[in-house]
Protein backbone atom coordinates (compact mmCIF):
# COMPACT_ATOMS: atom_id res chain seq x y z
CA MET A 1 -5.69 -45.07 -29.52
CA GLN A 2 -5.86 -48.43 -27.99
CA SER A 3 -3.41 -50.77 -26.58
CA LYS A 4 -3.83 -54.95 -27.18
CA ILE A 5 -1.42 -54.70 -24.51
CA ALA A 6 -4.27 -53.41 -21.87
CA ASN A 7 -6.99 -55.80 -23.67
CA ALA A 8 -4.53 -58.58 -23.30
CA LEU A 9 -3.39 -57.96 -19.16
CA LYS A 10 -7.59 -56.74 -18.66
CA LEU A 11 -6.62 -54.31 -17.19
CA LYS A 12 -8.65 -51.93 -14.45
CA TYR A 13 -7.18 -48.87 -14.89
CA GLU A 14 -6.76 -47.23 -18.41
CA PRO A 15 -3.27 -46.19 -19.36
CA VAL A 16 -2.39 -43.04 -19.01
CA ALA A 17 -0.15 -40.86 -21.27
CA ILE A 18 1.83 -38.47 -20.47
CA ILE A 19 2.30 -35.44 -23.35
CA TRP A 20 4.48 -32.65 -23.54
CA GLY A 21 2.79 -29.95 -25.49
CA ASP A 22 1.75 -25.86 -25.66
CA GLU A 23 -1.97 -26.23 -26.12
CA LYS A 24 -3.96 -27.21 -22.23
CA PRO A 25 -6.73 -29.49 -23.50
CA GLU A 26 -10.26 -27.68 -22.78
CA ASP A 27 -11.48 -30.15 -20.26
CA ALA A 28 -8.29 -30.93 -18.47
CA VAL A 29 -8.49 -30.33 -14.14
CA GLN A 30 -5.32 -28.46 -13.53
CA PHE A 31 -4.16 -28.08 -9.67
CA GLU A 32 -4.72 -24.09 -9.06
CA GLU A 33 -1.43 -21.41 -9.25
CA GLY A 34 0.06 -22.24 -5.30
CA ARG A 35 -1.91 -25.10 -4.25
CA TRP A 36 0.23 -28.22 -3.42
CA GLY A 37 -1.05 -31.45 -4.55
CA CYS A 38 0.20 -34.75 -5.42
CA VAL A 39 0.33 -35.64 -9.74
CA MET A 40 -0.82 -38.98 -8.54
CA TRP A 41 -3.59 -37.59 -7.66
CA MET A 42 -3.93 -36.25 -11.21
CA LEU A 43 -2.81 -39.99 -13.01
CA ALA A 44 -5.47 -41.78 -11.13
CA LEU A 45 -7.80 -39.54 -12.74
CA ALA A 46 -6.37 -39.91 -16.32
CA ALA A 47 -6.06 -43.81 -15.42
CA LYS A 48 -10.08 -42.52 -14.50
CA GLY A 49 -11.30 -40.76 -17.91
CA LYS A 50 -10.27 -37.56 -17.17
CA ALA A 51 -7.29 -35.63 -18.89
CA ALA A 52 -4.95 -34.05 -16.61
CA VAL A 53 -2.30 -30.95 -17.11
CA PHE A 54 0.66 -29.45 -15.35
CA ASP A 55 2.55 -25.52 -16.22
CA ARG A 56 5.56 -24.34 -14.42
CA LYS A 57 3.22 -22.69 -11.77
CA THR A 58 1.16 -25.47 -11.64
CA PHE A 59 2.19 -28.98 -10.24
CA GLY A 60 1.31 -29.51 -7.18
CA CYS A 61 4.78 -30.16 -4.80
CA PRO A 62 8.39 -28.71 -5.43
CA GLY A 63 9.22 -32.91 -5.83
CA GLY A 64 6.19 -33.20 -8.68
CA GLY A 65 7.21 -29.93 -10.86
CA LEU A 66 11.25 -32.16 -10.80
CA GLY A 67 9.13 -35.45 -11.25
CA LEU A 68 7.27 -33.43 -14.89
CA GLY A 69 10.48 -31.83 -15.57
CA PHE A 70 9.99 -28.38 -15.28
CA GLY A 71 13.22 -28.34 -13.48
CA ASN A 72 15.19 -28.83 -10.36
CA GLN A 73 12.15 -27.48 -8.14
CA TYR A 74 14.32 -28.85 -5.38
CA GLU A 75 15.96 -25.30 -4.69
CA ASN A 76 12.68 -23.48 -4.02
CA PHE A 77 11.63 -26.10 -0.78
CA ILE A 78 11.35 -24.58 2.30
CA GLY A 79 15.50 -23.15 3.49
CA GLY A 80 16.13 -24.33 -0.17
CA LEU A 81 18.36 -27.45 -1.32
CA GLU A 82 19.67 -27.53 2.16
CA GLY A 83 16.37 -27.86 3.73
CA PHE A 84 15.30 -30.57 1.20
CA CYS A 85 18.37 -32.11 2.22
CA TYR A 86 17.01 -32.13 5.38
CA PHE A 87 13.52 -33.28 5.08
CA LEU A 88 14.31 -36.18 3.41
CA SER A 89 16.59 -37.27 5.73
CA THR A 90 17.61 -36.07 9.45
CA GLY A 91 14.51 -33.55 9.97
CA PHE A 92 14.77 -29.77 10.43
CA GLU A 93 15.35 -30.64 14.04
CA SER A 94 18.87 -31.51 13.96
CA TRP A 95 19.77 -28.76 11.33
CA ASP A 96 21.47 -25.22 12.62
CA LYS A 97 19.64 -23.27 10.80
CA GLY A 98 16.30 -25.02 11.07
CA LYS A 99 15.37 -23.33 14.23
CA GLU A 100 15.11 -20.07 11.63
CA PHE A 101 11.49 -22.01 10.21
CA LYS A 102 10.54 -22.61 14.62
CA LYS A 103 6.82 -20.85 13.16
CA LEU A 104 5.61 -23.04 11.18
CA PRO A 105 3.37 -25.18 13.05
CA ARG A 106 4.50 -28.42 13.94
CA ASP A 107 1.10 -30.32 13.48
CA ARG A 108 1.14 -29.69 9.81
CA PHE A 109 5.03 -29.91 9.17
CA GLU A 110 5.35 -32.83 11.43
CA LYS A 111 6.85 -34.43 8.11
CA ILE A 112 9.86 -31.66 8.16
CA TRP A 113 10.75 -31.46 11.49
CA LYS A 114 11.18 -35.14 12.25
CA GLY A 115 12.38 -36.14 8.85
CA GLU A 116 11.36 -38.87 6.40
CA ARG A 117 14.35 -40.50 6.58
CA TYR A 118 14.34 -42.37 3.68
CA LYS A 119 18.28 -41.55 3.52
CA LYS A 120 20.61 -42.12 6.44
CA SER A 121 21.49 -38.25 6.25
CA PRO A 122 21.50 -34.65 3.95
CA GLU A 123 25.00 -35.83 2.35
CA LEU A 124 23.11 -38.75 1.05
CA VAL A 125 19.92 -36.41 -0.65
CA ARG A 126 22.62 -34.21 -2.22
CA LYS A 127 24.65 -36.76 -3.59
CA PHE A 128 20.94 -38.46 -4.41
CA VAL A 129 19.30 -35.28 -6.15
CA GLU A 130 23.28 -34.81 -8.32
CA ASN A 131 22.32 -38.08 -9.79
CA LEU A 132 18.72 -37.10 -10.82
CA PRO A 133 18.37 -37.20 -14.58
CA ILE A 134 17.08 -33.40 -13.82
CA MET A 135 15.51 -31.35 -17.17
CA ASP A 136 13.40 -28.89 -18.55
CA ILE A 137 11.23 -29.96 -21.15
CA PRO A 138 11.06 -27.47 -24.05
CA THR A 139 6.86 -26.83 -23.79
CA LYS A 140 4.85 -25.32 -22.13
CA TYR A 141 3.07 -28.45 -20.40
CA VAL A 142 2.96 -31.52 -19.32
CA ILE A 143 -0.92 -32.95 -20.63
CA PHE A 144 -2.12 -37.33 -18.70
CA LYS A 145 -3.82 -38.42 -21.21
CA PRO A 146 -6.63 -41.88 -20.49
CA LEU A 147 -4.09 -42.53 -23.41
CA SER A 148 -7.87 -43.58 -25.53
CA LYS A 149 -8.22 -40.04 -25.91
CA VAL A 150 -4.93 -40.34 -27.70
CA ILE A 151 -5.20 -39.31 -31.08
CA ASN A 152 -3.54 -37.20 -32.92
CA GLU A 153 -0.25 -36.32 -30.26
CA GLU A 154 2.36 -38.12 -29.96
CA PRO A 155 3.49 -39.08 -25.98
CA VAL A 156 6.61 -38.78 -24.44
CA VAL A 157 5.86 -42.31 -22.28
CA VAL A 158 2.81 -44.86 -20.98
CA VAL A 159 2.11 -45.33 -17.72
CA PHE A 160 -0.05 -49.03 -16.42
CA ILE A 161 -1.46 -49.34 -13.79
CA ALA A 162 -1.42 -52.83 -12.86
CA ASN A 163 -1.72 -55.61 -10.27
CA PRO A 164 1.95 -58.12 -9.51
CA HIS A 165 0.12 -60.34 -11.71
CA GLN A 166 -0.08 -57.96 -14.95
CA ILE A 167 3.34 -56.20 -13.68
CA SER A 168 4.66 -59.06 -14.00
CA ALA A 169 3.60 -59.90 -17.52
CA LEU A 170 5.04 -56.58 -18.39
CA THR A 171 7.91 -57.22 -16.82
CA ILE A 172 8.04 -60.46 -19.70
CA MET A 173 7.08 -58.42 -22.57
CA ALA A 174 9.41 -55.82 -21.89
CA ASN A 175 12.44 -57.67 -22.55
CA TYR A 176 10.59 -60.76 -24.96
CA ALA A 177 11.40 -59.85 -28.11
CA ALA A 178 15.73 -58.44 -26.48
CA GLU A 179 18.83 -59.42 -27.21
CA THR A 180 18.89 -57.88 -23.02
CA ASN A 181 16.98 -59.22 -19.62
CA ASP A 182 17.88 -55.91 -18.56
CA ASN A 183 14.61 -53.76 -19.40
CA VAL A 184 13.00 -52.85 -16.97
CA VAL A 185 14.49 -51.08 -13.29
CA VAL A 186 13.28 -49.68 -10.29
CA ARG A 187 15.41 -46.02 -9.05
CA MET A 188 13.96 -45.44 -5.74
CA GLY A 189 12.47 -41.97 -6.50
CA ALA A 190 8.68 -40.45 -5.93
CA GLY A 191 6.39 -42.06 -7.30
CA CYS A 192 6.10 -38.96 -9.86
CA HIS A 193 10.27 -39.55 -10.78
CA GLN A 194 9.10 -43.19 -11.82
CA ILE A 195 6.52 -42.36 -14.45
CA GLY A 196 8.47 -39.11 -14.90
CA ILE A 197 11.68 -37.91 -15.30
CA PHE A 198 13.36 -41.13 -15.46
CA ALA A 199 10.69 -42.62 -18.31
CA TYR A 200 11.99 -39.38 -20.11
CA ALA A 201 15.89 -39.91 -19.47
CA ASP A 202 16.12 -43.71 -20.74
CA GLN A 203 13.67 -44.07 -23.73
CA SER A 204 15.30 -48.04 -23.90
CA ARG A 205 13.68 -49.43 -20.69
CA ALA A 206 10.58 -49.76 -18.73
CA VAL A 207 10.15 -47.95 -15.21
CA LEU A 208 8.60 -49.75 -12.48
CA GLY A 209 6.77 -47.17 -10.20
CA LEU A 210 4.77 -46.57 -7.00
CA THR A 211 7.56 -47.97 -4.61
CA ASP A 212 7.35 -44.19 -2.96
CA LEU A 213 5.60 -45.18 0.28
CA ASP A 214 3.91 -41.24 0.10
CA ALA A 215 2.82 -41.34 -3.57
CA ARG A 216 1.02 -45.27 -1.94
CA LEU A 217 -0.41 -43.73 0.93
CA ASN A 218 -1.54 -40.51 -1.13
CA ILE A 219 -3.72 -42.93 -3.87
CA ARG A 220 -4.29 -45.83 -2.10
CA LYS A 221 -7.85 -44.55 -2.15
CA HIS A 222 -8.03 -43.48 -5.54
CA LEU A 223 -6.59 -46.45 -7.12
CA GLY A 224 -6.43 -49.41 -4.42
CA ASP A 225 -3.25 -51.14 -2.35
CA ASP A 226 -2.55 -54.02 -4.89
CA ILE A 227 -0.66 -51.66 -8.16
CA PHE A 228 2.28 -50.01 -9.01
CA THR A 229 2.63 -47.72 -12.32
CA PHE A 230 5.18 -49.49 -15.30
CA ALA A 231 5.95 -46.29 -17.30
CA VAL A 232 7.11 -47.37 -20.86
CA PRO A 233 9.15 -44.99 -23.06
CA TYR A 234 7.27 -44.83 -26.38
CA LYS A 235 9.19 -46.42 -28.91
CA MET A 236 9.39 -48.72 -26.14
CA PHE A 237 5.42 -49.37 -26.15
CA LYS A 238 4.74 -49.50 -29.35
CA GLU A 239 8.08 -52.30 -29.86
CA MET A 240 5.96 -54.28 -26.77
CA GLU A 241 2.14 -53.65 -28.69
CA GLU A 242 3.81 -54.59 -32.29
CA ASN A 243 4.93 -58.55 -29.82
CA VAL A 244 1.50 -59.28 -28.40
CA GLU A 245 0.66 -61.46 -31.51
CA GLY A 246 2.01 -64.98 -31.65
CA SER A 247 3.22 -64.17 -27.32
CA PHE A 248 3.04 -65.44 -24.26
CA LEU A 249 -0.20 -63.66 -23.66
CA GLU A 250 -2.36 -65.69 -26.05
CA VAL A 251 -0.81 -69.14 -24.28
CA GLY A 252 -0.14 -71.16 -21.66
CA THR A 253 0.30 -70.24 -18.01
CA TRP A 254 -0.98 -66.15 -18.62
CA THR A 255 -4.66 -67.69 -19.55
CA LYS A 256 -4.54 -69.86 -16.43
CA LEU A 257 -3.43 -66.64 -14.73
CA LEU A 258 -5.93 -64.66 -16.36
CA GLU A 259 -8.14 -66.40 -14.80
CA PHE A 260 -8.17 -64.69 -11.48
CA LEU A 261 -8.34 -60.74 -13.02
CA ASP A 262 -11.92 -61.62 -13.30
């Protein structure tokens, strides 16, 4: 499957199709069961031409499992959901039950002890989790594939990896043929939430992502510092593809900006 949008934007990396399926591609890379890993690493591999696959035992981390659609994996975090609430906020050091985990090496688990501080309090983290569109998808696997290698499958979401100029164009294109102007959203969450459950749950809007600081740190060596993700539900992607011809992508300001993308 080829993308007119990707060609018009001169994307450095190939769009990635996210597919739900029950058959694993033979050549797909996969995390080992029980081993930590970042879903965004797999996105980078798919953007560079490889297929990647996840199941309910090989999603890398609890946030990745939840973000891909394998249920509320925060319940399996160290200390359960309450432990996660302290992890994302003030840390285990501020938690009465935190001392039960004092055997965790502090050099390896510094972020657990000090907290990520992305929310002001554990109570606000709990509200954050309650508002996530947590789901358990109906298939065995979530598959990442370069869009050009998708033949007979139907993606759930197509993810563009783009720089600020290209993100601007994608935002315009997402609103180009719509009566409304709010067809792109930015939702706080993990990088995998922004390409997964947020886009799964609202099929009418694209999701701007890679605003997750940890995802940016994890992926910078693979894709660089100047990129964001732009996750588009498949129906919306097809509509955007149909609107390339005759749009701003063929004339005017965009053609001048293209000079800076070479």
